[in-house]
Amino acid sequence: MKSIFKGLAALGLAIFLAGAQISGAVADEAEGKIAEINPETATITLTDGQVYHFPVDFYVDDLKPGQLVRVFYDVDGSKKMLYDLQIQ
């Protein structure tokens, strides 16, 4: 009976890990100062050189270079896609 439960647990873990790799998007956050805001390319660059893409409806009018921000983003392939930003 124990071997059945061990087998089911191993199967469940394998399915979970496979699903996590297939999803592709990984949520993360970072903090830094804004170096550049480019509405034409819909990107915000922090002073560490990291570039974050924001959605078309993302309000950036109040943002200015030099502001300390915390960005919340998903990684989609090679792009970091913002879903939230907080001015610190």
Foldseek 3Di string as FASTA:
>chain_A
DVVVVVVVVVVVVVVVVVVVVVVQKDKDKDKAFWADQDLVQQWTAGPVGDIAHEDNPDDCPPDDGGFIKMFIFIDHPPHTYTPDMDGD
